[in-house]
C-alpha atoms as a PDB file:
ATOM      1  CA  MET A   1      36.417  32.337 -50.775  1.00  0.00           C
ATOM      2  CA  ALA A   2      36.852  30.328 -47.575  1.00  0.00           C
ATOM      3  CA  ASN A   3      37.651  32.160 -44.357  1.00  0.00           C
ATOM      4  CA  VAL A   4      41.239  31.668 -43.245  1.00  0.00           C
ATOM      5  CA  LEU A   5      41.951  30.949 -39.560  1.00  0.00           C
ATOM      6  CA  VAL A   6      44.360  33.581 -38.175  1.00  0.00           C
ATOM      7  CA  PHE A   7      45.622  34.771 -34.795  1.00  0.00           C
ATOM      8  CA  LEU A   8      44.813  38.104 -33.180  1.00  0.00           C
ATOM      9  CA  SER A   9      48.428  39.197 -33.654  1.00  0.00           C
ATOM     10  CA  ASP A  10      48.023  38.744 -37.446  1.00  0.00           C
ATOM     11  CA  LEU A  11      45.171  41.249 -37.726  1.00  0.00           C
ATOM     12  CA  GLN A  12      45.600  44.609 -39.427  1.00  0.00           C
ATOM     13  CA  THR A  13      43.297  47.618 -39.551  1.00  0.00           C
ATOM     14  CA  GLY A  14      40.332  47.393 -41.912  1.00  0.00           C
ATOM     15  CA  ARG A  15      37.601  44.877 -42.643  1.00  0.00           C
ATOM     16  CA  SER A  16      38.549  41.277 -42.028  1.00  0.00           C
ATOM     17  CA  SER A  17      37.104  38.230 -43.753  1.00  0.00           C
ATOM     18  CA  SER A  18      39.392  35.966 -41.726  1.00  0.00           C
ATOM     19  CA  THR A  19      38.285  33.806 -38.822  1.00  0.00           C
ATOM     20  CA  VAL A  20      39.812  33.989 -35.349  1.00  0.00           C
ATOM     21  CA  GLU A  21      39.124  31.540 -32.564  1.00  0.00           C
ATOM     22  CA  VAL A  22      39.066  33.310 -29.212  1.00  0.00           C
ATOM     23  CA  ARG A  23      38.092  32.848 -25.599  1.00  0.00           C
ATOM     24  CA  LEU A  24      35.784  35.531 -24.205  1.00  0.00           C
ATOM     25  CA  LEU A  25      37.610  36.501 -21.008  1.00  0.00           C
ATOM     26  CA  HIS A  26      35.241  39.169 -19.754  1.00  0.00           C
ATOM     27  CA  PHE A  27      32.506  41.489 -21.020  1.00  0.00           C
ATOM     28  CA  TRP A  28      30.676  44.482 -19.584  1.00  0.00           C
ATOM     29  CA  GLU A  29      28.245  47.226 -20.521  1.00  0.00           C
ATOM     30  CA  ALA A  30      29.745  50.463 -21.842  1.00  0.00           C
ATOM     31  CA  ARG A  31      27.659  53.426 -20.703  1.00  0.00           C
ATOM     32  CA  ASN A  32      27.824  57.137 -21.483  1.00  0.00           C
ATOM     33  CA  VAL A  33      27.991  58.918 -18.125  1.00  0.00           C
ATOM     34  CA  ARG A  34      27.423  62.291 -19.820  1.00  0.00           C
ATOM     35  CA  ARG A  35      24.024  61.086 -21.047  1.00  0.00           C
ATOM     36  CA  GLY A  36      22.623  59.692 -17.840  1.00  0.00           C
ATOM     37  CA  GLY A  37      24.213  56.264 -18.163  1.00  0.00           C
ATOM     38  CA  GLU A  38      22.860  55.599 -21.673  1.00  0.00           C
ATOM     39  CA  LEU A  39      23.971  52.183 -22.954  1.00  0.00           C
ATOM     40  CA  MET A  40      26.529  52.535 -25.778  1.00  0.00           C
ATOM     41  CA  GLY A  41      27.294  48.844 -26.268  1.00  0.00           C
ATOM     42  CA  ILE A  42      29.209  45.905 -24.852  1.00  0.00           C
ATOM     43  CA  ASP A  43      32.996  45.892 -24.457  1.00  0.00           C
ATOM     44  CA  MET A  44      34.974  42.696 -24.021  1.00  0.00           C
ATOM     45  CA  LEU A  45      38.429  41.172 -23.825  1.00  0.00           C
ATOM     46  CA  LEU A  46      39.295  38.310 -26.169  1.00  0.00           C
ATOM     47  CA  LEU A  47      42.198  35.834 -25.836  1.00  0.00           C
ATOM     48  CA  ASP A  48      43.599  33.606 -28.588  1.00  0.00           C
ATOM     49  CA  SER A  49      45.788  30.478 -28.545  1.00  0.00           C
ATOM     50  CA  GLN A  50      48.983  32.560 -28.640  1.00  0.00           C
ATOM     51  CA  ALA A  51      47.922  34.312 -25.392  1.00  0.00           C
ATOM     52  CA  THR A  52      47.295  37.566 -27.270  1.00  0.00           C
ATOM     53  CA  VAL A  53      44.623  39.706 -25.605  1.00  0.00           C
ATOM     54  CA  MET A  54      42.614  42.151 -27.708  1.00  0.00           C
ATOM     55  CA  PRO A  55      39.611  44.290 -26.817  1.00  0.00           C
ATOM     56  CA  ALA A  56      36.408  44.123 -28.841  1.00  0.00           C
ATOM     57  CA  THR A  57      33.220  46.152 -28.872  1.00  0.00           C
ATOM     58  CA  VAL A  58      29.635  45.672 -30.010  1.00  0.00           C
ATOM     59  CA  ASN A  59      27.647  48.845 -30.700  1.00  0.00           C
ATOM     60  CA  VAL A  60      24.238  49.097 -29.028  1.00  0.00           C
ATOM     61  CA  ASN A  61      22.565  48.844 -32.475  1.00  0.00           C
ATOM     62  CA  ARG A  62      24.067  45.371 -33.001  1.00  0.00           C
ATOM     63  CA  LEU A  63      23.460  43.960 -29.520  1.00  0.00           C
ATOM     64  CA  ALA A  64      20.223  42.183 -30.423  1.00  0.00           C
ATOM     65  CA  ALA A  65      22.098  39.928 -32.844  1.00  0.00           C
ATOM     66  CA  HIS A  66      24.926  38.985 -30.469  1.00  0.00           C
ATOM     67  CA  GLN A  67      24.181  39.607 -26.791  1.00  0.00           C
ATOM     68  CA  THR A  68      22.551  36.253 -26.075  1.00  0.00           C
ATOM     69  CA  ASN A  69      25.759  34.522 -27.190  1.00  0.00           C
ATOM     70  CA  PHE A  70      28.055  36.085 -24.573  1.00  0.00           C
ATOM     71  CA  GLU A  71      29.359  33.686 -21.956  1.00  0.00           C
ATOM     72  CA  ALA A  72      32.634  34.514 -20.214  1.00  0.00           C
ATOM     73  CA  GLY A  73      35.124  31.662 -20.464  1.00  0.00           C
ATOM     74  CA  SER A  74      33.593  30.158 -23.611  1.00  0.00           C
ATOM     75  CA  VAL A  75      35.410  29.797 -26.928  1.00  0.00           C
ATOM     76  CA  TYR A  76      34.072  31.436 -30.078  1.00  0.00           C
ATOM     77  CA  SER A  77      34.711  31.586 -33.791  1.00  0.00           C
ATOM     78  CA  LEU A  78      34.684  35.233 -34.912  1.00  0.00           C
ATOM     79  CA  THR A  79      34.307  36.219 -38.580  1.00  0.00           C
ATOM     80  CA  GLY A  80      33.364  39.318 -40.591  1.00  0.00           C
ATOM     81  CA  PHE A  81      34.525  42.106 -38.274  1.00  0.00           C
ATOM     82  CA  GLU A  82      36.369  45.400 -38.496  1.00  0.00           C
ATOM     83  CA  VAL A  83      39.755  46.125 -36.927  1.00  0.00           C
ATOM     84  CA  THR A  84      40.523  49.686 -35.826  1.00  0.00           C
ATOM     85  CA  ARG A  85      43.108  51.447 -33.710  1.00  0.00           C
ATOM     86  CA  CYS A  86      42.423  51.578 -29.969  1.00  0.00           C
ATOM     87  CA  ASN A  87      41.726  54.890 -28.305  1.00  0.00           C
ATOM     88  CA  GLN A  88      44.971  55.357 -26.371  1.00  0.00           C
ATOM     89  CA  ASN A  89      43.087  56.894 -23.427  1.00  0.00           C
ATOM     90  CA  TYR A  90      41.052  53.724 -22.892  1.00  0.00           C
ATOM     91  CA  ARG A  91      43.449  50.916 -23.743  1.00  0.00           C
ATOM     92  CA  LEU A  92      42.515  47.690 -21.987  1.00  0.00           C
ATOM     93  CA  SER A  93      45.401  45.515 -23.188  1.00  0.00           C
ATOM     94  CA  ASP A  94      48.830  45.742 -24.763  1.00  0.00           C
ATOM     95  CA  SER A  95      47.204  45.555 -28.192  1.00  0.00           C
ATOM     96  CA  SER A  96      46.994  48.796 -30.154  1.00  0.00           C
ATOM     97  CA  LEU A  97      44.058  47.358 -32.118  1.00  0.00           C
ATOM     98  CA  LEU A  98      40.371  46.861 -31.369  1.00  0.00           C
ATOM     99  CA  ILE A  99      37.799  44.535 -32.966  1.00  0.00           C
ATOM    100  CA  ARG A 100      34.428  46.094 -33.821  1.00  0.00           C
ATOM    101  CA  PHE A 101      31.465  43.903 -34.587  1.00  0.00           C
ATOM    102  CA  SER A 102      29.752  44.881 -37.848  1.00  0.00           C
ATOM    103  CA  ASP A 103      26.473  43.876 -39.485  1.00  0.00           C
ATOM    104  CA  SER A 104      28.248  40.930 -41.125  1.00  0.00           C
ATOM    105  CA  THR A 105      29.965  39.661 -37.952  1.00  0.00           C
ATOM    106  CA  THR A 106      29.346  36.105 -36.826  1.00  0.00           C
ATOM    107  CA  PHE A 107      30.279  35.177 -33.248  1.00  0.00           C
ATOM    108  CA  GLU A 108      29.534  31.494 -32.744  1.00  0.00           C
ATOM    109  CA  LYS A 109      30.331  29.379 -29.713  1.00  0.00           C
ATOM    110  CA  ILE A 110      32.525  26.371 -30.495  1.00  0.00           C
ATOM    111  CA  THR A 111      33.426  23.363 -28.376  1.00  0.00           C
ATOM    112  CA  GLU A 112      36.661  22.273 -30.041  1.00  0.00           C
ATOM    113  CA  PRO A 113      39.007  25.071 -31.157  1.00  0.00           C
ATOM    114  CA  ALA A 114      41.595  24.171 -33.811  1.00  0.00           C
ATOM    115  CA  VAL A 115      44.335  25.043 -31.287  1.00  0.00           C
ATOM    116  CA  PRO A 116      43.807  24.995 -27.485  1.00  0.00           C
ATOM    117  CA  ILE A 117      43.178  28.454 -25.989  1.00  0.00           C
ATOM    118  CA  PRO A 118      44.345  29.284 -22.445  1.00  0.00           C
ATOM    119  CA  LEU A 119      41.712  29.889 -19.767  1.00  0.00           C
ATOM    120  CA  GLU A 120      43.259  33.160 -18.610  1.00  0.00           C
ATOM    121  CA  SER A 121      46.032  35.655 -19.245  1.00  0.00           C
ATOM    122  CA  PHE A 122      48.340  37.531 -16.926  1.00  0.00           C
ATOM    123  CA  ARG A 123      50.533  40.537 -17.511  1.00  0.00           C
ATOM    124  CA  PHE A 124      53.557  40.996 -15.283  1.00  0.00           C
ATOM    125  CA  ARG A 125      55.329  44.328 -14.993  1.00  0.00           C
ATOM    126  CA  ASN A 126      58.532  45.158 -13.176  1.00  0.00           C
ATOM    127  CA  TYR A 127      58.856  48.122 -10.842  1.00  0.00           C
ATOM    128  CA  SER A 128      60.281  50.531 -13.440  1.00  0.00           C
ATOM    129  CA  GLU A 129      57.403  49.792 -15.829  1.00  0.00           C
ATOM    130  CA  MET A 130      54.853  50.385 -13.046  1.00  0.00           C
ATOM    131  CA  LEU A 131      56.566  53.632 -12.088  1.00  0.00           C
ATOM    132  CA  GLY A 132      56.532  54.758 -15.734  1.00  0.00           C
ATOM    133  CA  LEU A 133      52.764  54.182 -15.896  1.00  0.00           C
ATOM    134  CA  ALA A 134      52.032  56.104 -12.694  1.00  0.00           C
ATOM    135  CA  ASN A 135      49.705  59.060 -13.365  1.00  0.00           C
ATOM    136  CA  SER A 136      50.144  58.654 -17.123  1.00  0.00           C
ATOM    137  CA  ASN A 137      46.479  57.858 -17.876  1.00  0.00           C
ATOM    138  CA  ASN A 138      47.745  55.235 -20.348  1.00  0.00           C
ATOM    139  CA  GLN A 139      46.567  52.175 -18.439  1.00  0.00           C
ATOM    140  CA  LEU A 140      43.608  51.451 -16.227  1.00  0.00           C
ATOM    141  CA  PRO A 141      44.593  51.369 -12.553  1.00  0.00           C
ATOM    142  CA  GLY A 142      44.912  47.902 -11.111  1.00  0.00           C
ATOM    143  CA  SER A 143      44.606  46.494  -7.653  1.00  0.00           C
ATOM    144  CA  SER A 144      48.357  45.770  -7.649  1.00  0.00           C
ATOM    145  CA  SER A 145      49.038  49.367  -6.555  1.00  0.00           C
ATOM    146  CA  GLN A 146      47.471  48.690  -3.165  1.00  0.00           C
ATOM    147  CA  TYR A 147      49.964  45.904  -2.572  1.00  0.00           C
ATOM    148  CA  LEU A 148      53.053  47.814  -3.666  1.00  0.00           C
ATOM    149  CA  GLU A 149      52.696  50.592  -1.074  1.00  0.00           C
ATOM    150  CA  GLY A 150      55.605  52.517  -2.559  1.00  0.00           C
ATOM    151  CA  LYS A 151      57.986  49.551  -2.326  1.00  0.00           C
ATOM    152  CA  LYS A 152      59.920  48.129  -5.192  1.00  0.00           C
ATOM    153  CA  LEU A 153      58.287  45.049  -6.656  1.00  0.00           C
ATOM    154  CA  GLU A 154      61.362  42.965  -5.795  1.00  0.00           C
ATOM    155  CA  GLU A 155      61.037  44.009  -2.132  1.00  0.00           C
ATOM    156  CA  THR A 156      57.465  42.756  -1.874  1.00  0.00           C
ATOM    157  CA  TRP A 157      58.339  39.171  -2.781  1.00  0.00           C
END
C-alpha cells in the first residue's frame, strides 16, 4: 500500500503509515535533570503547509538512525511514526498531539515539497488570553511578558 500524503491536522492517535511533509523549525536535546542531565532524546517542532505546528520526539535509543539528518529550516518527508497525546504540562504548541519516531520511521530531507511550507510560524494572543495563561503552567513562558509590563496588549502598540 502506498503512503498517502496528509497534513499534521489530519493525524489521529496511533501508528501512522501516512506521509507528512514538514519543515523542521527547531530541535533541542531533552535531558533528565533528576538523573544528572542524562540525555533522553531530541525534541523538535514541525510545521506543515497549512501552518500547523506539532511537536515531535526521538527517543535516545533511536537517535543513531536519525540525528545526522536534523537541520533546522529544512523540509522533510516523515513516514512510519506514532501519534500520541501531548503531556499537558509540557505542551509546546497548540496541538494536543505529539509525533514519536519509532523503529520504522523514515525522516528524509526533500528539496521540493508537494505544497510549499512556510519558513516560520507565529502565534498571536490578545491580552485576555495572555492573562488566562498567567501562572497556569499550561504554556511555556515567552519573552513577550517582559514587553507587556502589566499593560494591556492594545496599550503597547
